[in-house]
Amino acid sequence: MKKLIILSLIIAAGYSSYAQQSPISVKKSPTRHGPEKGSLIIIGGNVGSQRDIWDKFTELAGGKDKAVVVVVTTAAGDSAGVDNKEVDELKKQTGIAHVTLLHTSDLATANSEKFIAPLKKATAVYFVGGRQWHIADSYLNTLTHQAFFDVLNRGGVIAGSSAGASIQGSFLWRGDTKGAQIQVGDHTQGLGFLKNSAIDQHILVRNREFALVDFIRKSPQLIGIGLNEATAILVQRDTLQVLGKSYVAIYDYNTIVGAYDKHVVNNREDFTASDGPFFFLGAGQKYDLAKRVVIKEPRKPGSPIAKADDDDN
C-alpha cells in the first residue's frame, strides 16, 4: 500500500509555490534513513577524476555498456540547460555512452509526462553542483520528483555532487536564495532520498565542520552528514560506506550531547565515542544509519584511517 506524503519539514513564507504541488507517492519504507531499494552516491564537491567514486557509479548504473544516465543540470542555472559540458565530463569519467541532459526551471514542465520520458528508462541520475534551491524550485512534489524515486525503486543509483549532494537530504541545508552562508534559509525541503537527514559539503576546505552541530542538537531525529571534496558516501538501505580520498563527518545527537558510553567496547573507544560533537570516517569505513554505530570491518589498506592506526602502533 502506498502512502501519500509531502517530504517537507519547513516551508518558508513567500516560497510556497512548490508546496502547492500535489504530494508525490512513495512507498512506506522500513529503513530509517537510506532507500529501501537502489543506491545513493552523495559527493562533497570537486569529484574530479576520483576513480573509486566514478567506478562505483558506473557499476551501480549497470556498467558502461548498459547504463542509461540522466544528468540533471538545474542547480547550475539556466545556461546549463544548453551546455553539454557536464554530460561530456560524465562520459569521459565513466565511459558510459547513453547520457541525457535534463533541465528545466519550470514546475509545469517538470510535471509533464513528456519531460520525464528519459527518466522512465534511466538506470542512474546524476545531479550537478550549483545552487540547491534551483533544484527545489523546479522539481519538488512533481512527476519528475516521483520519477527520481522510481529510478531508485527499480534498483538504480542516484548521485550528485555539492548542491547535488545537499538536495538528496530531507532537510535542505544551505538552501537560501541569498547565499550559501545562510544555513537554514528560505528553502528547507530537499528531495528526501536520504530520509531524516541534513547534508553539507566542502566541509574541510571551507571550514564548515562545526556548522551542523547546533542544528542536529536541536533536531535529534535527523542525522547530519558532512562531506569533504573528492569524497562521497555510498548508501544502500541503512548502510553508509565512505569513498574517495578525504573524510566524512557524522553528526548524531548522542555524540553531540555525550551520550555514548554504551559504545565503549573492550576498553577501546569506538569512533562514535568522540570527544567532540562529531566524528570522522575515512575511505572504506562503514556506518549503520539505523543503529547509529560504526560497522567494525578491516579497514581498506592505504586509507587515511588505516594509515593513522599504523602510525599509532
C-alpha atoms as a PDB file:
ATOM      1  CA  MET A   1       0.000   0.000   0.000  1.00  0.00           C
ATOM      2  CA  LYS A   2       1.362   3.391  -0.951  1.00  0.00           C
ATOM      3  CA  LYS A   3       1.168   6.338   1.336  1.00  0.00           C
ATOM      4  CA  LEU A   4       0.867   9.905   0.100  1.00  0.00           C
ATOM      5  CA  ILE A   5       3.258  12.194   1.883  1.00  0.00           C
ATOM      6  CA  ILE A   6       4.856  15.577   1.456  1.00  0.00           C
ATOM      7  CA  LEU A   7       8.535  15.350   2.241  1.00  0.00           C
ATOM      8  CA  SER A   8       8.693  18.745   3.966  1.00  0.00           C
ATOM      9  CA  LEU A   9       9.973  19.918   7.306  1.00  0.00           C
ATOM     10  CA  ILE A  10       9.521  23.675   6.951  1.00  0.00           C
ATOM     11  CA  ILE A  11       8.045  25.644   4.062  1.00  0.00           C
ATOM     12  CA  ALA A  12       9.102  29.264   4.346  1.00  0.00           C
ATOM     13  CA  ALA A  13       6.576  32.016   3.736  1.00  0.00           C
ATOM     14  CA  GLY A  14       6.942  33.560   0.320  1.00  0.00           C
ATOM     15  CA  TYR A  15       8.442  30.413  -1.200  1.00  0.00           C
ATOM     16  CA  SER A  16       5.412  28.153  -1.159  1.00  0.00           C
ATOM     17  CA  SER A  17       4.880  27.621  -4.885  1.00  0.00           C
ATOM     18  CA  TYR A  18       6.450  24.183  -4.771  1.00  0.00           C
ATOM     19  CA  ALA A  19       4.444  23.290  -1.650  1.00  0.00           C
ATOM     20  CA  GLN A  20       1.279  23.756  -3.671  1.00  0.00           C
ATOM     21  CA  GLN A  21       2.181  20.864  -5.943  1.00  0.00           C
ATOM     22  CA  SER A  22       0.380  17.576  -5.405  1.00  0.00           C
ATOM     23  CA  PRO A  23       2.269  15.366  -2.945  1.00  0.00           C
ATOM     24  CA  ILE A  24       4.278  12.609  -4.552  1.00  0.00           C
ATOM     25  CA  SER A  25       3.521   8.958  -3.902  1.00  0.00           C
ATOM     26  CA  VAL A  26       6.226   6.937  -2.167  1.00  0.00           C
ATOM     27  CA  LYS A  27       6.254   3.554  -0.510  1.00  0.00           C
ATOM     28  CA  LYS A  28       6.444   3.367   3.243  1.00  0.00           C
ATOM     29  CA  SER A  29       9.920   2.057   3.959  1.00  0.00           C
ATOM     30  CA  PRO A  30      11.329   0.040   6.868  1.00  0.00           C
ATOM     31  CA  THR A  31      14.659   1.817   6.537  1.00  0.00           C
ATOM     32  CA  ARG A  32      15.404   4.708   8.883  1.00  0.00           C
ATOM     33  CA  HIS A  33      17.432   6.882   6.517  1.00  0.00           C
ATOM     34  CA  GLY A  34      18.544   5.161   3.309  1.00  0.00           C
ATOM     35  CA  PRO A  35      16.466   3.933   0.364  1.00  0.00           C
ATOM     36  CA  GLU A  36      14.788   0.548   0.569  1.00  0.00           C
ATOM     37  CA  LYS A  37      15.933  -0.177  -2.978  1.00  0.00           C
ATOM     38  CA  GLY A  38      18.672   1.237  -5.151  1.00  0.00           C
ATOM     39  CA  SER A  39      21.721   3.231  -4.096  1.00  0.00           C
ATOM     40  CA  LEU A  40      22.754   6.794  -3.319  1.00  0.00           C
ATOM     41  CA  ILE A  41      26.177   8.284  -4.013  1.00  0.00           C
ATOM     42  CA  ILE A  42      26.483  11.633  -2.253  1.00  0.00           C
ATOM     43  CA  ILE A  43      29.642  13.595  -3.121  1.00  0.00           C
ATOM     44  CA  GLY A  44      31.147  16.557  -1.253  1.00  0.00           C
ATOM     45  CA  GLY A  45      32.108  18.513  -4.382  1.00  0.00           C
ATOM     46  CA  ASN A  46      35.022  18.671  -6.830  1.00  0.00           C
ATOM     47  CA  VAL A  47      34.938  14.958  -7.562  1.00  0.00           C
ATOM     48  CA  GLY A  48      37.456  15.383 -10.393  1.00  0.00           C
ATOM     49  CA  SER A  49      38.773  12.029 -11.560  1.00  0.00           C
ATOM     50  CA  GLN A  50      38.366  10.230  -8.221  1.00  0.00           C
ATOM     51  CA  ARG A  51      38.292   6.724  -9.603  1.00  0.00           C
ATOM     52  CA  ASP A  52      36.625   4.780  -6.806  1.00  0.00           C
ATOM     53  CA  ILE A  53      33.646   7.144  -6.878  1.00  0.00           C
ATOM     54  CA  TRP A  54      33.205   7.089 -10.647  1.00  0.00           C
ATOM     55  CA  ASP A  55      33.819   3.346 -10.866  1.00  0.00           C
ATOM     56  CA  LYS A  56      31.182   2.616  -8.232  1.00  0.00           C
ATOM     57  CA  PHE A  57      28.701   4.903 -10.001  1.00  0.00           C
ATOM     58  CA  THR A  58      29.348   3.132 -13.304  1.00  0.00           C
ATOM     59  CA  GLU A  59      28.966  -0.287 -11.712  1.00  0.00           C
ATOM     60  CA  LEU A  60      25.681   0.570  -9.994  1.00  0.00           C
ATOM     61  CA  ALA A  61      24.335   2.225 -13.147  1.00  0.00           C
ATOM     62  CA  GLY A  62      24.683  -1.107 -14.942  1.00  0.00           C
ATOM     63  CA  GLY A  63      28.163  -0.885 -16.465  1.00  0.00           C
ATOM     64  CA  LYS A  64      29.369   1.423 -19.201  1.00  0.00           C
ATOM     65  CA  ASP A  65      27.719  -0.603 -21.977  1.00  0.00           C
ATOM     66  CA  LYS A  66      24.263  -0.913 -20.386  1.00  0.00           C
ATOM     67  CA  ALA A  67      23.914   2.178 -18.208  1.00  0.00           C
ATOM     68  CA  VAL A  68      21.320   4.814 -19.109  1.00  0.00           C
ATOM     69  CA  VAL A  69      22.149   8.043 -17.269  1.00  0.00           C
ATOM     70  CA  VAL A  70      20.215  11.284 -16.871  1.00  0.00           C
ATOM     71  CA  VAL A  71      22.300  14.317 -15.847  1.00  0.00           C
ATOM     72  CA  VAL A  72      20.242  16.995 -14.059  1.00  0.00           C
ATOM     73  CA  THR A  73      21.888  20.402 -14.568  1.00  0.00           C
ATOM     74  CA  THR A  74      19.237  22.639 -12.989  1.00  0.00           C
ATOM     75  CA  ALA A  75      21.382  23.613  -9.980  1.00  0.00           C
ATOM     76  CA  ALA A  76      23.884  25.314 -12.297  1.00  0.00           C
ATOM     77  CA  GLY A  77      21.364  27.842 -13.639  1.00  0.00           C
ATOM     78  CA  ASP A  78      19.580  28.378 -16.937  1.00  0.00           C
ATOM     79  CA  SER A  79      22.732  28.447 -19.076  1.00  0.00           C
ATOM     80  CA  ALA A  80      23.428  24.844 -18.081  1.00  0.00           C
ATOM     81  CA  GLY A  81      20.345  23.772 -19.986  1.00  0.00           C
ATOM     82  CA  VAL A  82      22.116  24.316 -23.310  1.00  0.00           C
ATOM     83  CA  ASP A  83      25.658  23.390 -22.277  1.00  0.00           C
ATOM     84  CA  ASN A  84      26.717  19.757 -22.622  1.00  0.00           C
ATOM     85  CA  LYS A  85      29.946  20.067 -20.614  1.00  0.00           C
ATOM     86  CA  GLU A  86      28.548  18.120 -17.637  1.00  0.00           C
ATOM     87  CA  VAL A  87      27.308  15.354 -19.925  1.00  0.00           C
ATOM     88  CA  ASP A  88      30.667  15.234 -21.693  1.00  0.00           C
ATOM     89  CA  GLU A  89      32.523  15.119 -18.365  1.00  0.00           C
ATOM     90  CA  LEU A  90      30.447  12.201 -17.112  1.00  0.00           C
ATOM     91  CA  LYS A  91      31.017  10.317 -20.354  1.00  0.00           C
ATOM     92  CA  LYS A  92      34.749  10.978 -20.062  1.00  0.00           C
ATOM     93  CA  GLN A  93      34.987   9.760 -16.479  1.00  0.00           C
ATOM     94  CA  THR A  94      32.777   6.682 -16.859  1.00  0.00           C
ATOM     95  CA  GLY A  95      32.902   5.593 -20.498  1.00  0.00           C
ATOM     96  CA  ILE A  96      29.090   5.481 -20.482  1.00  0.00           C
ATOM     97  CA  ALA A  97      27.703   6.319 -23.914  1.00  0.00           C
ATOM     98  CA  HIS A  98      23.986   6.727 -23.187  1.00  0.00           C
ATOM     99  CA  VAL A  99      23.813  10.002 -21.224  1.00  0.00           C
ATOM    100  CA  THR A 100      20.958  12.538 -21.485  1.00  0.00           C
ATOM    101  CA  LEU A 101      20.791  16.099 -20.157  1.00  0.00           C
ATOM    102  CA  LEU A 102      17.659  17.029 -18.170  1.00  0.00           C
ATOM    103  CA  HIS A 103      16.998  20.663 -17.349  1.00  0.00           C
ATOM    104  CA  THR A 104      14.112  22.930 -16.512  1.00  0.00           C
ATOM    105  CA  SER A 105      13.307  25.772 -14.145  1.00  0.00           C
ATOM    106  CA  ASP A 106       9.573  25.462 -14.749  1.00  0.00           C
ATOM    107  CA  LEU A 107       7.288  23.445 -12.466  1.00  0.00           C
ATOM    108  CA  ALA A 108       4.710  22.865 -15.191  1.00  0.00           C
ATOM    109  CA  THR A 109       7.375  21.332 -17.422  1.00  0.00           C
ATOM    110  CA  ALA A 110       8.615  19.145 -14.568  1.00  0.00           C
ATOM    111  CA  ASN A 111       5.034  17.948 -14.119  1.00  0.00           C
ATOM    112  CA  SER A 112       4.702  16.757 -17.722  1.00  0.00           C
ATOM    113  CA  GLU A 113       4.900  13.194 -18.994  1.00  0.00           C
ATOM    114  CA  LYS A 114       6.992  14.306 -21.958  1.00  0.00           C
ATOM    115  CA  PHE A 115       9.692  15.770 -19.734  1.00  0.00           C
ATOM    116  CA  ILE A 116      10.081  12.650 -17.584  1.00  0.00           C
ATOM    117  CA  ALA A 117      10.309  10.252 -20.538  1.00  0.00           C
ATOM    118  CA  PRO A 118      14.136   9.882 -20.258  1.00  0.00           C
ATOM    119  CA  LEU A 119      13.805   9.004 -16.570  1.00  0.00           C
ATOM    120  CA  LYS A 120      11.489   6.088 -17.284  1.00  0.00           C
ATOM    121  CA  LYS A 121      14.374   4.165 -18.858  1.00  0.00           C
ATOM    122  CA  ALA A 122      17.158   5.538 -16.684  1.00  0.00           C
ATOM    123  CA  THR A 123      19.356   3.317 -14.547  1.00  0.00           C
ATOM    124  CA  ALA A 124      21.075   6.321 -12.960  1.00  0.00           C
ATOM    125  CA  VAL A 125      20.576  10.022 -12.234  1.00  0.00           C
ATOM    126  CA  TYR A 126      23.394  12.494 -11.584  1.00  0.00           C
ATOM    127  CA  PHE A 127      22.797  15.964 -10.077  1.00  0.00           C
ATOM    128  CA  VAL A 128      25.494  18.536 -10.834  1.00  0.00           C
ATOM    129  CA  GLY A 129      26.584  21.305  -8.463  1.00  0.00           C
ATOM    130  CA  GLY A 130      25.429  24.909  -8.244  1.00  0.00           C
ATOM    131  CA  ARG A 131      22.626  26.180  -6.024  1.00  0.00           C
ATOM    132  CA  GLN A 132      20.451  23.525  -4.437  1.00  0.00           C
ATOM    133  CA  TRP A 133      17.384  25.744  -4.188  1.00  0.00           C
ATOM    134  CA  HIS A 134      17.163  25.801  -8.004  1.00  0.00           C
ATOM    135  CA  ILE A 135      16.508  22.051  -7.853  1.00  0.00           C
ATOM    136  CA  ALA A 136      13.893  22.502  -5.128  1.00  0.00           C
ATOM    137  CA  ASP A 137      12.062  25.208  -7.063  1.00  0.00           C
ATOM    138  CA  SER A 138      11.999  23.111 -10.219  1.00  0.00           C
ATOM    139  CA  TYR A 139      11.168  19.580  -9.068  1.00  0.00           C
ATOM    140  CA  LEU A 140       9.702  19.268  -5.578  1.00  0.00           C
ATOM    141  CA  ASN A 141       6.498  17.201  -5.490  1.00  0.00           C
ATOM    142  CA  THR A 142       6.242  16.960  -9.275  1.00  0.00           C
ATOM    143  CA  LEU A 143       6.080  13.992 -11.642  1.00  0.00           C
ATOM    144  CA  THR A 144       9.823  14.406 -12.079  1.00  0.00           C
ATOM    145  CA  HIS A 145      10.375  14.070  -8.329  1.00  0.00           C
ATOM    146  CA  GLN A 146       8.369  10.854  -8.389  1.00  0.00           C
ATOM    147  CA  ALA A 147      10.343   9.647 -11.422  1.00  0.00           C
ATOM    148  CA  PHE A 148      13.599  10.112  -9.470  1.00  0.00           C
ATOM    149  CA  PHE A 149      12.229   7.824  -6.763  1.00  0.00           C
ATOM    150  CA  ASP A 150      11.137   5.359  -9.432  1.00  0.00           C
ATOM    151  CA  VAL A 151      14.772   5.059 -10.577  1.00  0.00           C
ATOM    152  CA  LEU A 152      15.698   4.001  -7.038  1.00  0.00           C
ATOM    153  CA  ASN A 153      12.735   1.644  -6.796  1.00  0.00           C
ATOM    154  CA  ARG A 154      13.959  -0.119  -9.952  1.00  0.00           C
ATOM    155  CA  GLY A 155      17.319  -0.680  -8.266  1.00  0.00           C
ATOM    156  CA  GLY A 156      19.112   2.251  -9.899  1.00  0.00           C
ATOM    157  CA  VAL A 157      21.520   4.787  -8.462  1.00  0.00           C
ATOM    158  CA  ILE A 158      21.107   8.482  -7.728  1.00  0.00           C
ATOM    159  CA  ALA A 159      24.301  10.505  -7.368  1.00  0.00           C
ATOM    160  CA  GLY A 160      25.151  14.153  -7.004  1.00  0.00           C
ATOM    161  CA  SER A 161      27.981  16.484  -6.071  1.00  0.00           C
ATOM    162  CA  SER A 162      27.975  19.656  -3.937  1.00  0.00           C
ATOM    163  CA  ALA A 163      24.457  21.092  -4.412  1.00  0.00           C
ATOM    164  CA  GLY A 164      23.632  17.709  -5.918  1.00  0.00           C
ATOM    165  CA  ALA A 165      24.624  16.195  -2.580  1.00  0.00           C
ATOM    166  CA  SER A 166      22.665  18.500  -0.262  1.00  0.00           C
ATOM    167  CA  ILE A 167      19.472  18.204  -2.307  1.00  0.00           C
ATOM    168  CA  GLN A 168      19.399  14.453  -1.569  1.00  0.00           C
ATOM    169  CA  GLY A 169      18.646  15.076   2.091  1.00  0.00           C
ATOM    170  CA  SER A 170      15.165  15.590   3.504  1.00  0.00           C
ATOM    171  CA  PHE A 171      16.104  18.903   5.136  1.00  0.00           C
ATOM    172  CA  LEU A 172      17.717  21.263   2.636  1.00  0.00           C
ATOM    173  CA  TRP A 173      20.838  22.677   4.274  1.00  0.00           C
ATOM    174  CA  ARG A 174      22.214  25.984   2.891  1.00  0.00           C
ATOM    175  CA  GLY A 175      19.131  26.379   0.728  1.00  0.00           C
ATOM    176  CA  ASP A 176      18.687  30.142   0.990  1.00  0.00           C
ATOM    177  CA  THR A 177      18.366  32.236  -2.169  1.00  0.00           C
ATOM    178  CA  LYS A 178      20.524  34.987  -0.649  1.00  0.00           C
ATOM    179  CA  GLY A 179      23.594  32.784  -0.291  1.00  0.00           C
ATOM    180  CA  ALA A 180      25.073  29.524   0.974  1.00  0.00           C
ATOM    181  CA  GLN A 181      26.357  31.220   4.137  1.00  0.00           C
ATOM    182  CA  ILE A 182      22.764  31.080   5.441  1.00  0.00           C
ATOM    183  CA  GLN A 183      22.431  27.552   6.762  1.00  0.00           C
ATOM    184  CA  VAL A 184      18.675  27.428   7.441  1.00  0.00           C
ATOM    185  CA  GLY A 185      17.026  29.668   4.893  1.00  0.00           C
ATOM    186  CA  ASP A 186      14.004  30.195   2.703  1.00  0.00           C
ATOM    187  CA  HIS A 187      14.174  26.711   1.161  1.00  0.00           C
ATOM    188  CA  THR A 188      14.287  23.837   3.633  1.00  0.00           C
ATOM    189  CA  GLN A 189      12.754  20.884   1.790  1.00  0.00           C
ATOM    190  CA  GLY A 190      15.114  18.528  -0.002  1.00  0.00           C
ATOM    191  CA  LEU A 191      14.223  15.730  -2.383  1.00  0.00           C
ATOM    192  CA  GLY A 192      14.376  13.273   0.510  1.00  0.00           C
ATOM    193  CA  PHE A 193      16.291  10.351  -0.995  1.00  0.00           C
ATOM    194  CA  LEU A 194      18.214  10.157   2.306  1.00  0.00           C
ATOM    195  CA  LYS A 195      15.396  10.382   4.820  1.00  0.00           C
ATOM    196  CA  ASN A 196      15.588  12.310   8.091  1.00  0.00           C
ATOM    197  CA  SER A 197      18.872  13.949   7.169  1.00  0.00           C
ATOM    198  CA  ALA A 198      20.711  17.191   6.509  1.00  0.00           C
ATOM    199  CA  ILE A 199      23.761  17.140   4.223  1.00  0.00           C
ATOM    200  CA  ASP A 200      26.634  19.618   3.999  1.00  0.00           C
ATOM    201  CA  GLN A 201      29.557  19.623   1.551  1.00  0.00           C
ATOM    202  CA  HIS A 202      33.074  21.082   1.076  1.00  0.00           C
ATOM    203  CA  ILE A 203      33.316  20.905   4.876  1.00  0.00           C
ATOM    204  CA  LEU A 204      37.079  20.915   5.445  1.00  0.00           C
ATOM    205  CA  VAL A 205      38.251  23.129   2.602  1.00  0.00           C
ATOM    206  CA  ARG A 206      35.629  25.727   3.581  1.00  0.00           C
ATOM    207  CA  ASN A 207      35.941  25.297   7.393  1.00  0.00           C
ATOM    208  CA  ARG A 208      32.359  24.130   7.763  1.00  0.00           C
ATOM    209  CA  GLU A 209      32.948  21.133  10.014  1.00  0.00           C
ATOM    210  CA  PHE A 210      31.111  22.626  13.033  1.00  0.00           C
ATOM    211  CA  ALA A 211      28.188  24.088  11.089  1.00  0.00           C
ATOM    212  CA  LEU A 212      25.724  21.220  11.587  1.00  0.00           C
ATOM    213  CA  VAL A 213      26.359  20.714  15.311  1.00  0.00           C
ATOM    214  CA  ASP A 214      23.751  23.035  16.846  1.00  0.00           C
ATOM    215  CA  PHE A 215      21.168  22.156  14.217  1.00  0.00           C
ATOM    216  CA  ILE A 216      21.401  18.413  14.928  1.00  0.00           C
ATOM    217  CA  ARG A 217      21.441  19.105  18.685  1.00  0.00           C
ATOM    218  CA  LYS A 218      18.008  20.724  18.228  1.00  0.00           C
ATOM    219  CA  SER A 219      16.824  18.090  15.717  1.00  0.00           C
ATOM    220  CA  PRO A 220      17.733  14.700  17.243  1.00  0.00           C
ATOM    221  CA  GLN A 221      15.604  12.763  14.760  1.00  0.00           C
ATOM    222  CA  LEU A 222      17.920  13.837  11.939  1.00  0.00           C
ATOM    223  CA  ILE A 223      21.353  12.529  11.004  1.00  0.00           C
ATOM    224  CA  GLY A 224      23.864  15.118   9.848  1.00  0.00           C
ATOM    225  CA  ILE A 225      26.342  14.232   7.096  1.00  0.00           C
ATOM    226  CA  GLY A 226      29.264  16.480   6.213  1.00  0.00           C
ATOM    227  CA  LEU A 227      31.425  15.608   3.216  1.00  0.00           C
ATOM    228  CA  ASN A 228      34.779  16.955   2.163  1.00  0.00           C
ATOM    229  CA  GLU A 229      35.681  17.379  -1.508  1.00  0.00           C
ATOM    230  CA  ALA A 230      36.527  14.369  -3.721  1.00  0.00           C
ATOM    231  CA  THR A 231      34.829  12.231  -1.049  1.00  0.00           C
ATOM    232  CA  ALA A 232      31.461  10.501  -1.087  1.00  0.00           C
ATOM    233  CA  ILE A 233      29.159   8.198   0.793  1.00  0.00           C
ATOM    234  CA  LEU A 234      27.541   5.187  -0.808  1.00  0.00           C
ATOM    235  CA  VAL A 235      24.201   4.476   0.878  1.00  0.00           C
ATOM    236  CA  GLN A 236      22.368   1.198   0.378  1.00  0.00           C
ATOM    237  CA  ARG A 237      19.417   0.701   2.701  1.00  0.00           C
ATOM    238  CA  ASP A 238      20.760   1.878   6.072  1.00  0.00           C
ATOM    239  CA  THR A 239      24.436   1.151   5.424  1.00  0.00           C
ATOM    240  CA  LEU A 240      26.757   4.029   4.622  1.00  0.00           C
ATOM    241  CA  GLN A 241      30.250   3.476   3.168  1.00  0.00           C
ATOM    242  CA  VAL A 242      32.884   6.138   2.541  1.00  0.00           C
ATOM    243  CA  LEU A 243      34.502   6.503  -0.885  1.00  0.00           C
ATOM    244  CA  GLY A 244      37.189   8.929  -2.015  1.00  0.00           C
ATOM    245  CA  LYS A 245      40.334  10.469  -0.603  1.00  0.00           C
ATOM    246  CA  SER A 246      39.276  12.544   2.407  1.00  0.00           C
ATOM    247  CA  TYR A 247      36.786  12.370   5.270  1.00  0.00           C
ATOM    248  CA  VAL A 248      33.079  12.314   6.067  1.00  0.00           C
ATOM    249  CA  ALA A 249      31.788  13.800   9.323  1.00  0.00           C
ATOM    250  CA  ILE A 250      28.847  12.213  11.145  1.00  0.00           C
ATOM    251  CA  TYR A 251      26.626  14.413  13.328  1.00  0.00           C
ATOM    252  CA  ASP A 252      24.481  12.346  15.666  1.00  0.00           C
ATOM    253  CA  TYR A 253      22.576  13.703  18.653  1.00  0.00           C
ATOM    254  CA  ASN A 254      24.034  11.137  21.078  1.00  0.00           C
ATOM    255  CA  THR A 255      27.566  12.064  20.083  1.00  0.00           C
ATOM    256  CA  ILE A 256      26.851  15.774  20.385  1.00  0.00           C
ATOM    257  CA  VAL A 257      25.434  15.514  23.918  1.00  0.00           C
ATOM    258  CA  GLY A 258      27.968  12.892  25.023  1.00  0.00           C
ATOM    259  CA  ALA A 259      25.515  10.005  25.476  1.00  0.00           C
ATOM    260  CA  TYR A 260      27.811   7.369  24.021  1.00  0.00           C
ATOM    261  CA  ASP A 261      29.083   5.248  26.938  1.00  0.00           C
ATOM    262  CA  LYS A 262      27.350   2.156  25.578  1.00  0.00           C
ATOM    263  CA  HIS A 263      29.629   2.266  22.514  1.00  0.00           C
ATOM    264  CA  VAL A 264      32.861   1.726  24.515  1.00  0.00           C
ATOM    265  CA  VAL A 265      33.912  -1.845  23.740  1.00  0.00           C
ATOM    266  CA  ASN A 266      36.742  -3.768  25.430  1.00  0.00           C
ATOM    267  CA  ASN A 267      38.149  -0.551  26.910  1.00  0.00           C
ATOM    268  CA  ARG A 268      38.814   0.791  23.413  1.00  0.00           C
ATOM    269  CA  GLU A 269      36.925   3.879  22.375  1.00  0.00           C
ATOM    270  CA  ASP A 270      34.628   3.455  19.398  1.00  0.00           C
ATOM    271  CA  PHE A 271      34.587   6.068  16.631  1.00  0.00           C
ATOM    272  CA  THR A 272      31.158   7.186  17.782  1.00  0.00           C
ATOM    273  CA  ALA A 273      32.566   7.944  21.246  1.00  0.00           C
ATOM    274  CA  SER A 274      34.052  11.237  20.148  1.00  0.00           C
ATOM    275  CA  ASP A 275      35.482  13.830  22.498  1.00  0.00           C
ATOM    276  CA  GLY A 276      33.878  16.381  20.202  1.00  0.00           C
ATOM    277  CA  PRO A 277      30.413  16.906  18.730  1.00  0.00           C
ATOM    278  CA  PHE A 278      31.076  14.835  15.587  1.00  0.00           C
ATOM    279  CA  PHE A 279      33.431  12.157  14.333  1.00  0.00           C
ATOM    280  CA  PHE A 280      35.148  11.377  11.045  1.00  0.00           C
ATOM    281  CA  LEU A 281      35.057   8.292   8.845  1.00  0.00           C
ATOM    282  CA  GLY A 282      37.643   7.600   6.162  1.00  0.00           C
ATOM    283  CA  ALA A 283      37.774   5.615   2.933  1.00  0.00           C
ATOM    284  CA  GLY A 284      36.298   2.133   3.216  1.00  0.00           C
ATOM    285  CA  GLN A 285      34.678   2.626   6.603  1.00  0.00           C
ATOM    286  CA  LYS A 286      31.008   1.807   7.078  1.00  0.00           C
ATOM    287  CA  TYR A 287      28.306   3.180   9.346  1.00  0.00           C
ATOM    288  CA  ASP A 288      24.915   1.769  10.339  1.00  0.00           C
ATOM    289  CA  LEU A 289      22.455   4.632   9.913  1.00  0.00           C
ATOM    290  CA  ALA A 290      19.665   2.796  11.717  1.00  0.00           C
ATOM    291  CA  LYS A 291      21.647   1.828  14.819  1.00  0.00           C
ATOM    292  CA  ARG A 292      23.894   4.927  14.647  1.00  0.00           C
ATOM    293  CA  VAL A 293      27.096   2.896  15.115  1.00  0.00           C
ATOM    294  CA  VAL A 294      30.257   2.324  13.106  1.00  0.00           C
ATOM    295  CA  ILE A 295      30.347  -1.097  11.455  1.00  0.00           C
ATOM    296  CA  LYS A 296      33.524  -2.879  12.529  1.00  0.00           C
ATOM    297  CA  GLU A 297      35.363  -4.194   9.470  1.00  0.00           C
ATOM    298  CA  PRO A 298      39.003  -4.436   8.400  1.00  0.00           C
ATOM    299  CA  ARG A 299      39.981  -1.075   7.008  1.00  0.00           C
ATOM    300  CA  LYS A 300      40.921  -0.549   3.407  1.00  0.00           C
ATOM    301  CA  PRO A 301      44.729  -0.671   3.034  1.00  0.00           C
ATOM    302  CA  GLY A 302      46.125   2.778   2.403  1.00  0.00           C
ATOM    303  CA  SER A 303      43.031   4.601   3.698  1.00  0.00           C
ATOM    304  CA  PRO A 304      43.580   7.703   5.865  1.00  0.00           C
ATOM    305  CA  ILE A 305      42.229   5.905   8.952  1.00  0.00           C
ATOM    306  CA  ALA A 306      44.348   2.780   8.368  1.00  0.00           C
ATOM    307  CA  LYS A 307      47.446   4.929   7.983  1.00  0.00           C
ATOM    308  CA  ALA A 308      46.638   6.725  11.224  1.00  0.00           C
ATOM    309  CA  ASP A 309      46.324   3.393  13.027  1.00  0.00           C
ATOM    310  CA  ASP A 310      49.691   2.284  11.621  1.00  0.00           C
ATOM    311  CA  ASP A 311      51.279   5.480  12.903  1.00  0.00           C
ATOM    312  CA  ASP A 312      49.878   4.817  16.409  1.00  0.00           C
ATOM    313  CA  ASN A 313      51.356   1.313  16.586  1.00  0.00           C
END
